Amino acid sequence: MITSFQMRAARALLGIDQKTLAELAGVSLPTIQRMEASDGNVRGVVESLTKVVDALNRAGVDLIGEHVRSDDGGRGVRLKQPGPPPRV
């Protein structure tokens, strides 16, 4: 699962807006807007959610889930390695 907070944080780390994430994931802008408007865990069509997570992963973001090993614990996001912003 990914939370709306993680989605927004991942976009901020990458320096991209909702439209760019939608293009990278191959989903519509309203889909991204609905996902980010979710309270807590993102709700939506599993296929669309998978596309978004895959796009963030390809762009260089690690999504840290609940109970996954992390030095400080809890959910979060981190860049795999700094690099240029993703191209659309």
C-alpha atoms as a PDB file:
ATOM      1  CA  MET A   1       0.000   0.000   0.000  1.00  0.00           C
ATOM      2  CA  ILE A   2       1.015   3.594  -0.601  1.00  0.00           C
ATOM      3  CA  THR A   3      -0.400   6.575   1.244  1.00  0.00           C
ATOM      4  CA  SER A   4      -1.416   9.893  -0.238  1.00  0.00           C
ATOM      5  CA  PHE A   5       1.304  11.480   1.910  1.00  0.00           C
ATOM      6  CA  GLN A   6       3.921   9.217   0.296  1.00  0.00           C
ATOM      7  CA  MET A   7       2.697  10.111  -3.197  1.00  0.00           C
ATOM      8  CA  ARG A   8       2.969  13.834  -2.530  1.00  0.00           C
ATOM      9  CA  ALA A   9       6.375  13.413  -0.864  1.00  0.00           C
ATOM     10  CA  ALA A  10       7.642  11.304  -3.771  1.00  0.00           C
ATOM     11  CA  ARG A  11       6.568  13.967  -6.262  1.00  0.00           C
ATOM     12  CA  ALA A  12       8.266  16.630  -4.156  1.00  0.00           C
ATOM     13  CA  LEU A  13      11.513  14.636  -4.070  1.00  0.00           C
ATOM     14  CA  LEU A  14      11.412  14.300  -7.842  1.00  0.00           C
ATOM     15  CA  GLY A  15      10.385  17.925  -8.377  1.00  0.00           C
ATOM     16  CA  ILE A  16       7.413  17.000 -10.561  1.00  0.00           C
ATOM     17  CA  ASP A  17       3.793  18.064 -10.584  1.00  0.00           C
ATOM     18  CA  GLN A  18       0.663  15.899 -10.721  1.00  0.00           C
ATOM     19  CA  LYS A  19       0.399  16.217 -14.503  1.00  0.00           C
ATOM     20  CA  THR A  20       3.947  14.933 -15.001  1.00  0.00           C
ATOM     21  CA  LEU A  21       3.342  11.973 -12.680  1.00  0.00           C
ATOM     22  CA  ALA A  22       0.151  11.160 -14.600  1.00  0.00           C
ATOM     23  CA  GLU A  23       2.110  11.186 -17.874  1.00  0.00           C
ATOM     24  CA  LEU A  24       4.931   9.054 -16.436  1.00  0.00           C
ATOM     25  CA  ALA A  25       2.415   6.516 -15.105  1.00  0.00           C
ATOM     26  CA  GLY A  26       0.122   6.514 -18.131  1.00  0.00           C
ATOM     27  CA  VAL A  27      -2.941   7.485 -16.107  1.00  0.00           C
ATOM     28  CA  SER A  28      -5.171  10.550 -16.177  1.00  0.00           C
ATOM     29  CA  LEU A  29      -4.557  13.703 -14.154  1.00  0.00           C
ATOM     30  CA  PRO A  30      -7.904  13.276 -12.319  1.00  0.00           C
ATOM     31  CA  THR A  31      -6.745   9.789 -11.271  1.00  0.00           C
ATOM     32  CA  ILE A  32      -3.632  11.254  -9.625  1.00  0.00           C
ATOM     33  CA  GLN A  33      -5.713  14.010  -8.038  1.00  0.00           C
ATOM     34  CA  ARG A  34      -8.166  11.478  -6.574  1.00  0.00           C
ATOM     35  CA  MET A  35      -5.347   9.279  -5.273  1.00  0.00           C
ATOM     36  CA  GLU A  36      -3.633  12.202  -3.567  1.00  0.00           C
ATOM     37  CA  ALA A  37      -6.937  13.381  -2.085  1.00  0.00           C
ATOM     38  CA  SER A  38      -7.338  10.034  -0.298  1.00  0.00           C
ATOM     39  CA  ASP A  39      -7.132  10.074   3.463  1.00  0.00           C
ATOM     40  CA  GLY A  40      -4.363   7.656   4.437  1.00  0.00           C
ATOM     41  CA  ASN A  41      -3.932   4.670   2.113  1.00  0.00           C
ATOM     42  CA  VAL A  42      -4.585   5.486  -1.533  1.00  0.00           C
ATOM     43  CA  ARG A  43      -7.781   3.991  -2.838  1.00  0.00           C
ATOM     44  CA  GLY A  44      -8.518   3.295  -6.452  1.00  0.00           C
ATOM     45  CA  VAL A  45      -8.205   0.821  -9.277  1.00  0.00           C
ATOM     46  CA  VAL A  46      -5.344  -1.568  -8.517  1.00  0.00           C
ATOM     47  CA  GLU A  47      -4.018  -1.376 -12.089  1.00  0.00           C
ATOM     48  CA  SER A  48      -3.768   2.435 -11.905  1.00  0.00           C
ATOM     49  CA  LEU A  49      -2.149   2.309  -8.497  1.00  0.00           C
ATOM     50  CA  THR A  50       0.392  -0.223  -9.760  1.00  0.00           C
ATOM     51  CA  LYS A  51       1.227   2.035 -12.712  1.00  0.00           C
ATOM     52  CA  VAL A  52       1.850   4.979 -10.375  1.00  0.00           C
ATOM     53  CA  VAL A  53       4.038   2.964  -7.997  1.00  0.00           C
ATOM     54  CA  ASP A  54       6.013   1.560 -10.958  1.00  0.00           C
ATOM     55  CA  ALA A  55       6.485   5.048 -12.427  1.00  0.00           C
ATOM     56  CA  LEU A  56       7.771   6.398  -9.104  1.00  0.00           C
ATOM     57  CA  ASN A  57      10.081   3.407  -8.803  1.00  0.00           C
ATOM     58  CA  ARG A  58      11.461   3.917 -12.335  1.00  0.00           C
ATOM     59  CA  ALA A  59      11.988   7.604 -11.549  1.00  0.00           C
ATOM     60  CA  GLY A  60      14.178   6.652  -8.597  1.00  0.00           C
ATOM     61  CA  VAL A  61      11.934   6.707  -5.540  1.00  0.00           C
ATOM     62  CA  ASP A  62      11.854   3.954  -2.907  1.00  0.00           C
ATOM     63  CA  LEU A  63       8.497   3.680  -1.168  1.00  0.00           C
ATOM     64  CA  ILE A  64       8.976   2.424   2.367  1.00  0.00           C
ATOM     65  CA  GLY A  65       5.959   0.485   3.616  1.00  0.00           C
ATOM     66  CA  GLU A  66       4.714  -0.107   7.122  1.00  0.00           C
ATOM     67  CA  HIS A  67       6.884  -2.584   9.069  1.00  0.00           C
ATOM     68  CA  VAL A  68       9.607  -2.537   6.407  1.00  0.00           C
ATOM     69  CA  ARG A  69      13.139  -2.185   7.719  1.00  0.00           C
ATOM     70  CA  SER A  70      14.076   1.453   8.022  1.00  0.00           C
ATOM     71  CA  ASP A  71      16.515   2.988  10.487  1.00  0.00           C
ATOM     72  CA  ASP A  72      13.872   5.305  11.921  1.00  0.00           C
ATOM     73  CA  GLY A  73      10.807   3.068  11.378  1.00  0.00           C
ATOM     74  CA  GLY A  74       7.451   3.985   9.888  1.00  0.00           C
ATOM     75  CA  ARG A  75       6.388   4.701   6.345  1.00  0.00           C
ATOM     76  CA  GLY A  76       8.232   7.058   4.045  1.00  0.00           C
ATOM     77  CA  VAL A  77       9.950   7.680   0.746  1.00  0.00           C
ATOM     78  CA  ARG A  78      13.557   8.118  -0.244  1.00  0.00           C
ATOM     79  CA  LEU A  79      15.492   8.687  -3.419  1.00  0.00           C
ATOM     80  CA  LYS A  80      17.465   5.649  -4.528  1.00  0.00           C
ATOM     81  CA  GLN A  81      20.210   7.969  -5.720  1.00  0.00           C
ATOM     82  CA  PRO A  82      20.119  11.642  -6.669  1.00  0.00           C
ATOM     83  CA  GLY A  83      19.972  12.252 -10.346  1.00  0.00           C
ATOM     84  CA  PRO A  84      18.357  14.363 -13.056  1.00  0.00           C
ATOM     85  CA  PRO A  85      14.588  14.801 -13.004  1.00  0.00           C
ATOM     86  CA  PRO A  86      12.633  12.156 -14.929  1.00  0.00           C
ATOM     87  CA  ARG A  87      11.808  12.892 -18.544  1.00  0.00           C
ATOM     88  CA  VAL A  88       8.312  12.514 -19.885  1.00  0.00           C
END
